[in-house]
């Protein structure tokens, strides 16, 4: 009888069915001494143990995927990775690695497994499987991805679109053209235009699509128009001069910014004249006024600063004989701009000039910000204290009428106000709420007499003082704690429809949030900014942060590092 029981026990151990009612392989492995476990048993036990260190679990997953890839049935390992990644409790960083492991195990059976489960579950499960599908080769999974273009979650639809473009799945073109024709899915209109442009490319269908693009470039829907303009701006087709000259007059500042990005390369005297005219119409000190001045300097090589009238006078004198310089090039990062016509230099945040009146300061308040500063004027002070001081300094230095917001982030993301326009409500004694208006509107003719101007100037001064007082009180209450949620902090900044410039400060690599992979965060910020054209300046404290350097470079901003 004892021999029968022993034999039964050994059989159960070999089959991995002993230990729990569910027959968990992990529980079975735990019953086997470590010295008798196979490498797969040990690694699965580590990966599926919620108490194991995150790095150990990630290393185990990669080892398992590498071995499964060489084995006869990689789809079995992929299904097990999928089951773990679909659990809500699974860490976001580990979920990303599990998606990569599924892609490593790519096979016809793996794709069938992904296709079956692609549309099920919550949004985080769909996004996880879309990441896995993106890493797989084009195949049967793409038909399942195509169906997610109708998902109720905009983030899922957008991610599905990226996968289809990455896989060059041409059947998506007809679906996307239907999306554009109906105009109902506003969140997908802009991305759909960019996606079709990438899928069609310069093939035989490009000519017909380009005709549609030209129509979309004059659409009333902001995202549709901006997306079409962005696509057309990538090529320097001289036939598009009239389109971009017209767009330079548009009420939407992002559309004007896209037009400037094309006109700067046009070597057209008509463009110079139009930009000078636009410069005179932009509010002094606004982001687009600064862009007009920079664009003219790049085109002509003339260091005439920020005085639109000086540019107009110069152009009137030289237009007939002017020749474009062979190479002017962009301004060297960190170099001083020409002094403004007011005779004053622009205010600076950590040494980076601010040329905007619609700014958001995104500040890291994670626990590491309590570390001491190194070699700088704040040596010995904590990074948090230095950030507070710099914020207070720039709040005091911003020009009259500036509207701004402050977003702090650690594990969570906390904005001071709903958006930058809400600062006007704070300045008038309110708490800050919904407010409509363009982030950089056209300059209006000033018909006031001198007394009225003086009264309004005094009111503006009092409003600025109140806004600065409230903002300073808020800044002085900021404290450091928690992790580093860089992705969600950028997302919050982009959700503000009125901001045109971001200053982003951090002292750490991403550790929490919807996305923690630096390359993926760079890609998504670049995608968000394709049609917005925000200028993003970044400051790294304590350690060099390549992610912030990449983002600043992509957005035409500056990057500074302080030890």
Protein backbone atom coordinates (compact mmCIF):
# COMPACT_ATOMS: atom_id res chain seq x y z
CA UNK A 1 0.00 0.00 0.00
CA UNK A 2 2.83 2.41 0.89
CA UNK A 3 4.56 1.62 -2.44
CA UNK A 4 1.34 2.50 -4.32
CA UNK A 5 1.01 5.82 -2.47
CA UNK A 6 4.67 6.65 -3.17
CA UNK A 7 4.26 5.87 -6.86
CA UNK A 8 1.12 8.03 -7.01
CA UNK A 9 2.98 10.91 -5.35
CA UNK A 10 5.88 10.70 -7.79
CA UNK A 11 3.49 10.61 -10.76
CA UNK A 12 1.67 13.70 -9.50
CA UNK A 13 4.94 15.55 -9.09
CA UNK A 14 6.05 14.63 -12.60
CA UNK A 15 2.78 15.84 -14.11
CA UNK A 16 2.81 19.07 -12.09
CA UNK A 17 -0.66 18.48 -10.66
CA UNK A 18 0.08 18.28 -6.97
CA UNK A 19 -0.10 21.17 -4.56
CA UNK A 20 -3.34 23.02 -5.34
CA UNK A 21 -6.81 22.18 -6.44
CA UNK A 22 -6.18 24.01 -9.72
CA UNK A 23 -3.08 22.04 -10.60
CA UNK A 24 -0.85 25.14 -10.82
CA UNK A 25 2.53 24.45 -12.51
CA UNK A 26 4.07 27.03 -10.19
CA UNK A 27 2.82 25.20 -7.12
CA UNK A 28 4.11 21.92 -8.50
CA UNK A 29 7.52 23.43 -9.20
CA UNK A 30 7.64 24.70 -5.64
CA UNK A 31 7.26 21.12 -4.41
CA UNK A 32 10.37 20.04 -6.33
CA UNK A 33 13.78 20.86 -4.81
CA UNK A 34 15.50 23.66 -6.71
CA UNK A 35 18.39 21.39 -7.64
CA UNK A 36 15.94 19.07 -9.46
CA UNK A 37 14.08 21.83 -11.37
CA UNK A 38 14.74 22.46 -15.05
CA UNK A 39 15.72 26.00 -16.14
CA UNK A 40 12.18 26.51 -17.46
CA UNK A 41 10.62 25.41 -14.18
CA UNK A 42 12.81 27.77 -12.18
CA UNK A 43 12.20 30.71 -14.50
CA UNK A 44 8.43 30.19 -14.68
CA UNK A 45 8.32 29.98 -10.91
CA UNK A 46 10.21 33.28 -10.64
CA UNK A 47 8.16 35.01 -13.33
CA UNK A 48 4.80 34.01 -11.90
CA UNK A 49 5.72 34.82 -8.31
CA UNK A 50 4.28 38.20 -7.31
CA UNK A 51 6.76 38.36 -4.42
CA UNK A 52 9.85 38.03 -6.63
CA UNK A 53 11.80 41.24 -7.46
CA UNK A 54 10.65 42.94 -10.64
CA UNK A 55 14.07 42.71 -12.30
CA UNK A 56 14.30 38.98 -11.54
CA UNK A 57 10.86 38.42 -13.07
CA UNK A 58 11.78 40.44 -16.16
CA UNK A 59 15.04 38.51 -16.62
CA UNK A 60 13.19 35.22 -16.23
CA UNK A 61 10.64 36.23 -18.87
CA UNK A 62 13.34 37.08 -21.39
CA UNK A 63 15.16 33.79 -20.79
CA UNK A 64 11.95 31.83 -21.21
CA UNK A 65 11.09 33.64 -24.44
CA UNK A 66 14.55 33.07 -25.88
CA UNK A 67 14.35 29.33 -25.18
CA UNK A 68 10.75 29.05 -26.41
CA UNK A 69 11.69 30.76 -29.68
CA UNK A 70 14.12 27.91 -30.41
CA UNK A 71 11.69 25.23 -29.29
CA UNK A 72 8.99 23.38 -31.23
CA UNK A 73 5.98 25.12 -29.65
CA UNK A 74 6.66 28.82 -28.97
CA UNK A 75 2.92 29.55 -28.92
CA UNK A 76 2.51 27.66 -25.64
CA UNK A 77 4.94 30.01 -23.90
CA UNK A 78 3.29 32.99 -25.64
CA UNK A 79 -0.12 31.94 -24.24
CA UNK A 80 1.34 31.77 -20.75
CA UNK A 81 2.91 35.23 -21.14
CA UNK A 82 -0.46 36.49 -22.38
CA UNK A 83 -2.31 35.11 -19.35
CA UNK A 84 0.06 36.88 -16.97
CA UNK A 85 0.06 40.15 -18.92
CA UNK A 86 -3.75 40.22 -18.92
CA UNK A 87 -3.88 40.29 -15.12
CA UNK A 88 -4.71 43.71 -13.72
CA UNK A 89 -2.22 43.28 -10.86
CA UNK A 90 0.74 42.76 -13.19
CA UNK A 91 3.22 45.63 -13.01
CA UNK A 92 3.17 47.95 -16.06
CA UNK A 93 6.89 47.50 -16.70
CA UNK A 94 6.58 43.73 -16.56
CA UNK A 95 3.53 43.84 -18.83
CA UNK A 96 5.59 45.68 -21.46
CA UNK A 97 8.30 43.01 -21.26
CA UNK A 98 5.72 40.23 -21.51
CA UNK A 99 4.39 41.80 -24.71
CA UNK A 100 7.91 41.78 -26.12
CA UNK A 101 8.26 38.14 -25.07
CA UNK A 102 5.10 37.22 -26.98
CA UNK A 103 6.56 38.93 -30.04
CA UNK A 104 9.77 36.95 -29.55
CA UNK A 105 7.64 33.78 -29.68
CA UNK A 106 5.99 34.90 -32.94
CA UNK A 107 4.64 32.01 -35.00
CA UNK A 108 1.43 31.23 -36.92
CA UNK A 109 -0.04 29.68 -33.76
CA UNK A 110 1.06 32.66 -31.64
CA UNK A 111 -0.70 35.04 -34.02
CA UNK A 112 -3.85 32.90 -33.96
CA UNK A 113 -3.79 33.03 -30.15
CA UNK A 114 -3.40 36.83 -30.22
CA UNK A 115 -6.12 37.20 -32.85
CA UNK A 116 -8.58 35.21 -30.73
CA UNK A 117 -7.99 37.31 -27.61
CA UNK A 118 -7.29 40.71 -29.22
CA UNK A 119 -10.74 42.22 -28.78
CA UNK A 120 -11.56 40.82 -25.37
CA UNK A 121 -11.01 42.21 -21.91
CA UNK A 122 -10.46 45.72 -20.62
CA UNK A 123 -8.59 48.48 -22.43
CA UNK A 124 -5.28 47.73 -20.71
CA UNK A 125 -5.50 44.12 -21.97
CA UNK A 126 -6.15 45.27 -25.52
CA UNK A 127 -3.25 47.73 -25.37
CA UNK A 128 -0.99 44.98 -24.02
CA UNK A 129 -1.90 42.65 -26.87
CA UNK A 130 -1.53 45.42 -29.44
CA UNK A 131 2.02 46.00 -28.21
CA UNK A 132 2.67 42.29 -28.63
CA UNK A 133 1.13 42.32 -32.12
CA UNK A 134 3.29 45.28 -33.14
CA UNK A 135 6.41 43.22 -32.43
CA UNK A 136 5.15 40.29 -34.50
CA UNK A 137 5.55 39.99 -38.25
CA UNK A 138 2.56 41.03 -40.41
CA UNK A 139 0.07 38.19 -40.51
CA UNK A 140 -3.33 36.92 -39.42
CA UNK A 141 -3.24 39.07 -36.29
CA UNK A 142 -3.69 42.22 -38.42
CA UNK A 143 -7.30 41.40 -39.26
CA UNK A 144 -8.09 41.30 -35.55
CA UNK A 145 -6.21 44.56 -35.04
CA UNK A 146 -8.23 46.16 -37.86
CA UNK A 147 -11.46 45.48 -35.95
CA UNK A 148 -10.13 47.51 -32.99
CA UNK A 149 -10.40 50.68 -35.08
CA UNK A 150 -14.04 50.58 -33.94
CA UNK A 151 -13.21 50.11 -30.24
CA UNK A 152 -14.92 52.47 -27.79
CA UNK A 153 -11.58 53.51 -26.23
CA UNK A 154 -9.74 56.18 -28.22
CA UNK A 155 -6.34 55.03 -26.92
CA UNK A 156 -7.02 51.50 -28.19
CA UNK A 157 -8.12 52.81 -31.60
CA UNK A 158 -4.99 54.95 -31.86
CA UNK A 159 -2.68 52.10 -30.89
CA UNK A 160 -4.38 49.76 -33.34
CA UNK A 161 -3.82 52.33 -36.07
CA UNK A 162 -0.10 52.46 -35.26
CA UNK A 163 0.18 48.68 -35.50
CA UNK A 164 -1.53 48.63 -38.89
CA UNK A 165 0.76 51.34 -40.23
CA UNK A 166 3.81 49.56 -38.80
CA UNK A 167 2.73 46.36 -40.54
CA UNK A 168 1.81 48.21 -43.77
CA UNK A 169 -1.62 46.58 -43.69
CA UNK A 170 -3.17 48.04 -46.85
CA UNK A 171 -6.78 46.90 -46.17
CA UNK A 172 -6.78 49.55 -43.45
CA UNK A 173 -6.83 52.29 -46.09
CA UNK A 174 -10.49 51.73 -47.06
CA UNK A 175 -11.54 51.60 -43.42
CA UNK A 176 -9.71 54.84 -42.68
CA UNK A 177 -11.17 56.58 -45.72
CA UNK A 178 -14.62 55.67 -44.35
CA UNK A 179 -13.63 57.18 -40.99
CA UNK A 180 -12.64 60.41 -42.74
CA UNK A 181 -15.77 60.49 -44.85
CA UNK A 182 -18.12 60.09 -41.88
CA UNK A 183 -16.20 62.57 -39.72
CA UNK A 184 -17.76 61.11 -36.56
CA UNK A 185 -14.63 59.78 -34.88
CA UNK A 186 -12.99 63.11 -34.10
CA UNK A 187 -10.17 61.51 -32.10
CA UNK A 188 -9.10 59.50 -35.17
CA UNK A 189 -9.48 62.10 -37.94
CA UNK A 190 -5.98 63.54 -37.70
CA UNK A 191 -4.22 60.20 -37.11
CA UNK A 192 -6.19 58.62 -39.96
CA UNK A 193 -4.88 61.21 -42.42
CA UNK A 194 -1.30 60.58 -41.35
CA UNK A 195 -1.82 56.80 -41.46
CA UNK A 196 -3.28 56.75 -44.98
CA UNK A 197 -0.43 59.00 -46.15
CA UNK A 198 2.13 56.54 -44.77
CA UNK A 199 0.34 53.48 -46.17
CA UNK A 200 -0.21 54.93 -49.63
CA UNK A 201 3.28 56.45 -49.69
CA UNK A 202 4.44 57.51 -53.11
CA UNK A 203 2.80 54.57 -54.85
CA UNK A 204 0.25 54.61 -57.63
CA UNK A 205 -2.51 55.73 -55.28
CA UNK A 206 -0.65 58.78 -54.06
CA UNK A 207 -1.88 61.23 -56.71
CA UNK A 208 -5.56 60.65 -55.87
CA UNK A 209 -4.82 60.77 -52.14
CA UNK A 210 -2.83 64.00 -52.50
CA UNK A 211 -5.89 65.64 -54.07
CA UNK A 212 -7.89 64.64 -50.98
CA UNK A 213 -5.11 65.94 -48.75
CA UNK A 214 -5.33 69.37 -50.34
CA UNK A 215 -9.03 69.44 -49.50
CA UNK A 216 -8.40 68.31 -45.91
CA UNK A 217 -5.74 71.01 -45.55
CA UNK A 218 -8.49 73.62 -45.75
CA UNK A 219 -10.93 71.77 -43.49
CA UNK A 220 -12.66 73.49 -40.59
CA UNK A 221 -11.82 70.62 -38.22
CA UNK A 222 -8.55 71.56 -36.51
CA UNK A 223 -6.98 68.11 -36.23
CA UNK A 224 -7.92 67.12 -39.78
CA UNK A 225 -6.52 70.36 -41.20
CA UNK A 226 -3.32 70.23 -39.14
CA UNK A 227 -2.68 66.59 -40.03
CA UNK A 228 -3.08 67.25 -43.76
CA UNK A 229 -0.86 70.33 -43.56
CA UNK A 230 1.79 68.37 -41.66
CA UNK A 231 1.87 65.67 -44.33
CA UNK A 232 2.10 68.21 -47.15
CA UNK A 233 4.77 70.18 -45.28
CA UNK A 234 7.13 67.20 -45.32
CA UNK A 235 7.80 67.72 -49.02
CA UNK A 236 9.13 71.01 -50.38
CA UNK A 237 6.81 71.13 -53.41
CA UNK A 238 6.90 74.70 -54.84
CA UNK A 239 3.31 74.24 -55.99
CA UNK A 240 2.23 74.40 -52.33
CA UNK A 241 3.41 77.99 -51.81
CA UNK A 242 -0.07 79.48 -52.15
CA UNK A 243 -1.54 76.95 -49.69
CA UNK A 244 0.98 77.77 -46.97
CA UNK A 245 0.79 81.51 -47.59
CA UNK A 246 -2.98 81.26 -47.07
CA UNK A 247 -2.51 79.08 -43.97
CA UNK A 248 -0.22 81.73 -42.46
CA UNK A 249 -3.35 83.89 -42.11
CA UNK A 250 -5.38 81.20 -40.34
CA UNK A 251 -6.90 81.85 -36.91
CA UNK A 252 -5.45 78.59 -35.54
CA UNK A 253 -1.89 79.20 -34.28
CA UNK A 254 -0.82 75.55 -34.75
CA UNK A 255 -1.73 75.76 -38.44
CA UNK A 256 0.30 78.96 -38.74
CA UNK A 257 3.24 77.23 -37.06
CA UNK A 258 3.07 74.39 -39.60
CA UNK A 259 2.99 76.95 -42.43
CA UNK A 260 6.12 78.61 -41.03
CA UNK A 261 7.91 75.25 -40.99
CA UNK A 262 7.33 74.96 -44.75
CA UNK A 263 7.89 78.59 -45.69
CA UNK A 264 11.28 78.77 -43.96
CA UNK A 265 12.63 76.38 -46.61
CA UNK A 266 10.90 78.00 -49.58
CA UNK A 267 13.50 80.63 -50.57
CA UNK A 268 10.58 82.76 -51.68
CA UNK A 269 10.43 86.55 -51.50
CA UNK A 270 6.66 86.26 -51.28
CA UNK A 271 7.13 84.15 -48.16
CA UNK A 272 9.42 86.74 -46.54
CA UNK A 273 6.89 89.51 -47.18
CA UNK A 274 4.02 87.38 -45.85
CA UNK A 275 5.92 86.41 -42.68
CA UNK A 276 6.79 90.05 -41.97
CA UNK A 277 3.12 90.95 -42.37
CA UNK A 278 2.16 88.09 -40.05
CA UNK A 279 4.83 89.20 -37.57
CA UNK A 280 3.20 92.62 -37.36
CA UNK A 281 -0.19 90.98 -36.64
CA UNK A 282 1.01 88.65 -33.85
CA UNK A 283 0.70 89.89 -30.24
CA UNK A 284 4.10 91.13 -28.96
CA UNK A 285 5.78 88.55 -26.75
CA UNK A 286 3.67 85.66 -28.04
CA UNK A 287 5.09 82.34 -29.13
CA UNK A 288 4.18 82.89 -32.81
CA UNK A 289 5.73 86.35 -32.81
CA UNK A 290 8.99 84.77 -31.65
CA UNK A 291 8.65 82.07 -34.33
CA UNK A 292 8.16 84.70 -37.04
CA UNK A 293 11.32 86.49 -35.95
CA UNK A 294 13.32 83.25 -35.85
CA UNK A 295 12.00 82.18 -39.25
CA UNK A 296 12.96 85.49 -40.86
CA UNK A 297 16.43 85.31 -39.37
CA UNK A 298 16.94 81.78 -40.68
CA UNK A 299 15.72 82.71 -44.16
CA UNK A 300 17.59 85.99 -44.55
CA UNK A 301 20.53 85.85 -42.14
CA UNK A 302 19.58 89.27 -40.78
CA UNK A 303 19.88 89.76 -36.95
CA UNK A 304 17.00 92.20 -36.62
CA UNK A 305 15.63 90.82 -33.37
CA UNK A 306 11.96 90.91 -32.38
CA UNK A 307 10.90 94.24 -33.87
CA UNK A 308 8.45 93.56 -36.74
CA UNK A 309 8.60 97.19 -37.87
CA UNK A 310 12.39 96.97 -38.23
CA UNK A 311 11.91 93.93 -40.46
CA UNK A 312 9.27 95.71 -42.53
CA UNK A 313 11.53 98.77 -43.04
CA UNK A 314 14.53 96.62 -43.97
CA UNK A 315 12.50 94.56 -46.44
CA UNK A 316 11.08 97.66 -48.10
CA UNK A 317 14.65 98.84 -48.75
CA UNK A 318 16.17 95.58 -50.04
CA UNK A 319 13.39 93.53 -51.60
CA UNK A 320 14.23 94.38 -55.20
CA UNK A 321 17.90 93.33 -54.90
CA UNK A 322 17.76 90.78 -52.07
CA UNK A 323 19.31 87.35 -52.59
CA UNK A 324 18.90 84.49 -50.14
CA UNK A 325 22.10 83.44 -48.36
CA UNK A 326 23.46 80.04 -49.29
CA UNK A 327 23.21 78.74 -45.73
CA UNK A 328 21.90 80.36 -42.59
CA UNK A 329 21.08 77.32 -40.47
CA UNK A 330 19.17 77.05 -37.22
CA UNK A 331 20.20 78.85 -34.08
CA UNK A 332 22.80 77.00 -32.04
CA UNK A 333 21.12 75.52 -28.93
CA UNK A 334 21.86 77.73 -25.95
CA UNK A 335 22.98 80.69 -28.08
CA UNK A 336 21.63 84.13 -27.23
CA UNK A 337 18.79 85.42 -29.37
CA UNK A 338 19.06 88.92 -30.78
CA UNK A 339 17.96 91.45 -28.17
CA UNK A 340 14.28 92.34 -28.47
CA UNK A 341 13.31 95.80 -29.70
CA UNK A 342 12.22 96.64 -26.16
CA UNK A 343 15.88 96.48 -25.14
CA UNK A 344 15.25 93.77 -22.57
CA UNK A 345 16.22 90.12 -22.67
CA UNK A 346 13.59 87.41 -22.36
CA UNK A 347 13.08 85.84 -18.90
CA UNK A 348 14.78 82.49 -18.38
CA UNK A 349 13.90 79.27 -16.58
CA UNK A 350 17.08 77.35 -15.72
CA UNK A 351 18.87 79.37 -18.40
CA UNK A 352 16.32 78.69 -21.17
CA UNK A 353 14.54 81.73 -22.59
CA UNK A 354 10.76 81.94 -22.48
CA UNK A 355 9.20 83.41 -25.64
CA UNK A 356 5.54 82.79 -24.98
CA UNK A 357 2.59 83.99 -22.94
CA UNK A 358 0.93 80.56 -22.74
CA UNK A 359 3.35 78.33 -20.81
CA UNK A 360 3.00 75.22 -18.68
CA UNK A 361 5.75 74.27 -16.21
CA UNK A 362 5.81 70.49 -15.61
CA UNK A 363 7.79 69.75 -12.46
CA UNK A 364 9.01 66.44 -11.04
CA UNK A 365 8.15 66.11 -7.34
CA UNK A 366 9.20 62.45 -6.94
CA UNK A 367 11.07 61.33 -3.83
CA UNK A 368 14.49 61.63 -5.48
CA UNK A 369 13.98 65.39 -5.76
CA UNK A 370 14.94 65.54 -2.05
CA UNK A 371 18.54 64.71 -3.02
CA UNK A 372 21.09 67.53 -2.78
CA UNK A 373 22.18 69.61 -5.78
CA UNK A 374 25.76 69.32 -6.98
CA UNK A 375 27.86 72.00 -8.65
CA UNK A 376 25.49 74.92 -9.20
CA UNK A 377 24.31 78.08 -7.47
CA UNK A 378 22.03 75.83 -5.43
CA UNK A 379 24.83 73.52 -4.24
CA UNK A 380 23.80 71.88 -0.98
CA UNK A 381 20.10 72.66 -1.40
CA UNK A 382 17.69 69.88 -2.37
CA UNK A 383 16.62 69.58 -5.99
CA UNK A 384 13.07 70.29 -4.84
CA UNK A 385 14.10 73.49 -3.10
CA UNK A 386 16.05 74.60 -6.18
CA UNK A 387 13.04 73.91 -8.41
CA UNK A 388 10.76 75.89 -6.10
CA UNK A 389 13.17 78.86 -6.16
CA UNK A 390 13.49 78.77 -9.95
CA UNK A 391 9.72 78.61 -10.34
CA UNK A 392 9.20 81.59 -8.04
CA UNK A 393 11.87 83.55 -9.95
CA UNK A 394 10.30 82.90 -13.35
CA UNK A 395 6.80 83.62 -12.08
CA UNK A 396 8.01 87.06 -11.02
CA UNK A 397 9.89 87.63 -14.29
CA UNK A 398 7.16 86.72 -16.80
CA UNK A 399 5.96 89.70 -18.86
CA UNK A 400 2.60 91.39 -18.16
CA UNK A 401 -0.42 89.44 -19.32
CA UNK A 402 1.34 86.07 -19.28
CA UNK A 403 -0.88 83.10 -18.50
CA UNK A 404 0.69 79.92 -17.18
CA UNK A 405 0.04 76.68 -15.36
CA UNK A 406 2.06 74.36 -13.14
CA UNK A 407 1.77 70.57 -13.33
CA UNK A 408 3.55 68.53 -10.66
CA UNK A 409 4.10 64.80 -11.02
CA UNK A 410 5.36 61.84 -9.03
CA UNK A 411 3.23 58.67 -9.04
CA UNK A 412 0.23 60.87 -9.81
CA UNK A 413 -0.04 63.98 -11.99
CA UNK A 414 -1.50 67.08 -10.34
CA UNK A 415 -2.20 70.31 -12.28
CA UNK A 416 -2.55 73.60 -10.42
CA UNK A 417 -5.23 74.82 -12.85
CA UNK A 418 -7.42 73.16 -15.48
CA UNK A 419 -5.41 74.88 -18.24
CA UNK A 420 -3.38 78.04 -18.86
CA UNK A 421 -6.39 80.19 -19.78
CA UNK A 422 -7.80 79.53 -16.30
CA UNK A 423 -4.96 81.69 -14.95
CA UNK A 424 -6.93 84.70 -16.20
CA UNK A 425 -9.73 83.74 -13.81
CA UNK A 426 -7.27 83.47 -10.92
CA UNK A 427 -5.87 86.89 -11.83
CA UNK A 428 -9.36 88.36 -11.65
CA UNK A 429 -9.98 86.88 -8.21
CA UNK A 430 -11.61 83.59 -9.23
CA UNK A 431 -10.38 80.05 -8.64
CA UNK A 432 -9.69 79.15 -12.24
CA UNK A 433 -12.04 77.14 -14.41
CA UNK A 434 -13.21 76.74 -17.97
CA UNK A 435 -12.37 79.56 -20.30
CA UNK A 436 -12.40 79.69 -24.07
CA UNK A 437 -10.02 81.48 -26.37
CA UNK A 438 -7.09 80.91 -28.74
CA UNK A 439 -3.71 80.17 -27.19
CA UNK A 440 -2.07 82.70 -29.50
CA UNK A 441 -4.65 84.98 -31.06
CA UNK A 442 -4.23 87.76 -33.60
CA UNK A 443 -3.26 91.19 -32.41
CA UNK A 444 -6.18 93.62 -32.34
CA UNK A 445 -5.95 97.29 -33.20
CA UNK A 446 -5.61 99.40 -30.05
CA UNK A 447 -8.13 102.28 -30.26
CA UNK A 448 -7.95 103.36 -26.60
CA UNK A 449 -6.87 106.85 -25.55
CA UNK A 450 -3.89 107.35 -23.21
CA UNK A 451 -5.98 107.53 -20.04
CA UNK A 452 -7.76 104.30 -20.91
CA UNK A 453 -4.43 102.64 -21.65
CA UNK A 454 -3.06 103.75 -18.29
CA UNK A 455 -6.13 102.43 -16.44
CA UNK A 456 -5.94 99.12 -18.23
CA UNK A 457 -2.22 98.87 -17.56
CA UNK A 458 -2.87 99.36 -13.84
CA UNK A 459 -5.58 96.70 -13.90
CA UNK A 460 -3.20 94.34 -15.68
CA UNK A 461 -0.51 95.01 -13.09
CA UNK A 462 -2.90 94.23 -10.24
CA UNK A 463 -4.10 91.08 -11.97
CA UNK A 464 -0.52 89.93 -12.59
CA UNK A 465 0.38 90.54 -8.95
CA UNK A 466 -2.58 88.49 -7.73
CA UNK A 467 -1.81 85.64 -10.14
CA UNK A 468 1.84 85.59 -9.10
CA UNK A 469 0.94 85.65 -5.42
CA UNK A 470 -1.42 82.67 -5.78
CA UNK A 471 1.07 80.75 -7.92
CA UNK A 472 3.94 81.38 -5.49
CA UNK A 473 1.84 80.13 -2.58
CA UNK A 474 1.11 76.97 -4.54
CA UNK A 475 4.75 76.42 -5.52
CA UNK A 476 5.93 76.78 -1.92
CA UNK A 477 3.58 73.96 -0.90
CA UNK A 478 5.11 71.45 -3.35
CA UNK A 479 6.84 68.52 -1.66
CA UNK A 480 8.78 65.56 -3.04
CA UNK A 481 7.57 61.96 -2.72
CA UNK A 482 6.75 58.93 -4.88
CA UNK A 483 7.85 57.69 -8.30
CA UNK A 484 8.47 59.31 -11.70
CA UNK A 485 5.47 59.33 -14.03
CA UNK A 486 6.90 61.10 -17.09
CA UNK A 487 4.44 59.75 -19.69
CA UNK A 488 1.30 60.85 -17.87
CA UNK A 489 2.83 64.24 -17.03
CA UNK A 490 3.43 64.95 -20.73
CA UNK A 491 -0.05 63.67 -21.53
CA UNK A 492 -1.58 66.12 -19.05
CA UNK A 493 0.35 69.01 -20.60
CA UNK A 494 -0.86 68.09 -24.10
CA UNK A 495 -4.46 67.91 -22.89
CA UNK A 496 -4.38 71.70 -22.41
CA UNK A 497 -5.74 73.11 -25.71
CA UNK A 498 -4.40 76.61 -25.00
CA UNK A 499 -0.74 75.99 -24.18
CA UNK A 500 1.93 76.56 -26.83
CA UNK A 501 5.13 76.03 -24.80
CA UNK A 502 6.16 73.39 -22.25
CA UNK A 503 9.01 73.51 -19.75
CA UNK A 504 9.62 70.02 -18.37
CA UNK A 505 11.89 69.31 -15.38
CA UNK A 506 12.84 65.90 -13.98
CA UNK A 507 15.63 64.15 -12.11
CA UNK A 508 14.86 60.52 -12.93
CA UNK A 509 14.03 57.89 -15.48
CA UNK A 510 10.37 56.82 -15.90
CA UNK A 511 9.32 54.39 -13.17
CA UNK A 512 5.51 54.45 -13.25
CA UNK A 513 2.56 55.51 -15.42
CA UNK A 514 0.89 54.26 -18.59
CA UNK A 515 4.29 53.90 -20.27
CA UNK A 516 7.80 53.60 -18.80
CA UNK A 517 9.88 52.72 -21.85
CA UNK A 518 11.86 55.88 -22.79
CA UNK A 519 11.83 55.13 -26.51
CA UNK A 520 8.06 54.56 -26.48
CA UNK A 521 7.52 57.79 -24.52
CA UNK A 522 9.61 59.72 -27.03
CA UNK A 523 7.60 58.26 -29.90
CA UNK A 524 4.23 59.09 -28.37
CA UNK A 525 5.21 62.68 -27.47
CA UNK A 526 6.52 63.18 -31.00
CA UNK A 527 3.25 61.81 -32.37
CA UNK A 528 1.15 64.09 -30.16
CA UNK A 529 3.20 67.08 -31.27
CA UNK A 530 3.03 66.40 -34.99
CA UNK A 531 -0.03 68.60 -35.31
CA UNK A 532 0.16 70.69 -32.12
CA UNK A 533 3.66 72.13 -32.71
CA UNK A 534 4.30 72.87 -29.03
CA UNK A 535 7.81 74.02 -28.20
CA UNK A 536 9.17 71.72 -25.48
CA UNK A 537 12.18 72.71 -23.38
CA UNK A 538 13.58 70.18 -20.91
CA UNK A 539 15.75 70.39 -17.79
CA UNK A 540 17.49 67.36 -16.27
CA UNK A 541 18.60 67.57 -12.64
CA UNK A 542 21.17 65.30 -11.01
CA UNK A 543 21.61 62.89 -13.93
CA UNK A 544 21.69 63.25 -17.69
CA UNK A 545 18.35 62.12 -19.14
CA UNK A 546 18.58 61.17 -22.84
CA UNK A 547 14.77 60.96 -23.02
CA UNK A 548 14.39 64.65 -22.20
CA UNK A 549 17.16 65.55 -24.63
CA UNK A 550 15.39 63.61 -27.41
CA UNK A 551 12.02 65.21 -26.71
CA UNK A 552 13.47 68.74 -26.67
CA UNK A 553 15.30 68.12 -29.94
CA UNK A 554 12.19 66.69 -31.62
CA UNK A 555 10.11 69.71 -30.55
CA UNK A 556 12.60 72.43 -31.51
CA UNK A 557 13.30 73.26 -27.87
CA UNK A 558 16.37 73.30 -25.66
CA UNK A 559 17.77 70.80 -23.16
CA UNK A 560 19.82 71.72 -20.10
CA UNK A 561 21.52 69.50 -17.52
CA UNK A 562 22.35 70.58 -13.98
CA UNK A 563 24.37 68.21 -11.73
